[in-house]
Amino acid sequence: MHDRGVSTAGARTILHADLDAFFAAVEQRDNPQLRGKPVIVGGGGPNDRGVVSTASYEARKFGVRSAMPLRTAGALCPQGIFVPVDGAKYSAVSKQVMAIFRRFSPLVEPLSIDEAFLDLTGTEQLFGDGEHAAKKLKQVVHDETELTVSVGVAANRLVAKIASDLRKPDGLVVVPRGEEAEFLAPLGIERLWGVGPSTGRALLEYGVTTIGDLARLPENLLVRRFGAHGADLASRARGVGETEVVGPADAKSVSQEHTFDVDVADWEVLEQSLIALSEGVAGRLRSTNVACATVSVKIRNSAFETITRQRTLEQPTDMGEVIWRTAVELTRREVRGQRIRLLGVAATGLSEQRQLALFEIDGDRRRKVTEAADAVRRKFGSGAIRRARLLDSGVRAPFERDPRRLPLVDRDKDRDE
């Protein structure tokens, strides 16, 4: 391989592993009669309200996609087999797979229930180079879970994640260090993080259809058109990305985000999403016996402008209602009729859980109710108990899993992160 003058000082080997059609694959594994058939996970039938959580590759051939209304999925794929979401089962399998990942590296950062980054730097003597390690990881996952995982290997997170998506299912793509820009150049612009439909339409005005086209545009032009986001686009188009993988012991916050398939202006939908995100964050806080001092929200609009707002609480909390009400107040003033692409809720300033304030109104009763609900979810899955406002809304409470940037459905990953 040619030396392209790229410094290897501090160079890292990053692996992105992504389970293929995870929910559907688990259902097909556990029920042999479903194998090879179009499986749609997300409801009891095509007439149910709600959305598709994931679809098998057989169903995707008919155009069925995650977050699609179940009725639409039924119309596209009349022969589809609809299966309800089994959150407890998927969570258990996810924990099994993440444990396998941690055999290959102590630095494993889950992004959702079915994908994670691994930093393989320094593991060469144990597993070989990135390609050999990836092959071993894929084999172990398949041997122990009967599931397939697609893997991308590169020098940074951006390129590794794009690589893992190229040859699904059961794919393996390795991008040699120094060849990032060359690898990205022929790919469609929609594969680049930060390029959603609106940004893609704007770039088309400059004749940009591939990542290579974008890389050839002057950076100052992109900055004039997109502001700071333009500089990020220019950097990503050249294959420059972050290399840090954060292990669980280093986590300083608990957060969840959701990217809408269609930009949303309906406040009720946004508020319901904030409920689900806040409940997920609060559940993780309680599961690790910590409370947060600060709540923050992340809001990205249809123009891809992103803002964050935060508020320090009067006292630390691990209660979903407190986090939700704070998130609602922070979000409401910023939305003002805009169309929103992404919402996120984060809890920071973590500390060991504190006792309730002596005079907190109804605090003890609320905590007992919350702890009872947690116990039911642990036994029967996160969908066993849901807030009434989330019923039939198409917004699902997150499964019990690592909280960082988790989507509310298992989908072919959103690239606008």
Foldseek 3Di string as FASTA:
>chain_A
DDDPVDDCVVFWKKKKKFFAQQQLQLVCVVPVVCPPAWEWEADQALPDFFWTQTIHPNLVVLVHFGLHTSVVSCVSCVRYGYDYGQLLVLQVLLVVLVVLLVVQALQWADQASGMIMGTNPPSCVPQNDPQRNVVVSQVVSCVVPVTGMFMAMERADQQGLLQSLPDPDNYYYYDYPPCQLVVQFVAFPQSAAADDPVNVVVVVVVVHGGLNSLLPDDLVVQCVVQNPSSNVSNCVSNVDHHHDRHHPVRDQKFKAKAFDPWFDQDVLLVLLQLLLRLVLRLLVCVVVQKWFQKKKKWWAFPSRDIDMDMDGDPDTDSDSVVNSVRQSVVPVVVSVRTGTGMMMMMGGPMDGHDDDDPPDPCVVVVVVVVVVLSVCCNVRNPQPDDPPSNPSSNQDRGTNDGRNHYYRHSGSDRRHD
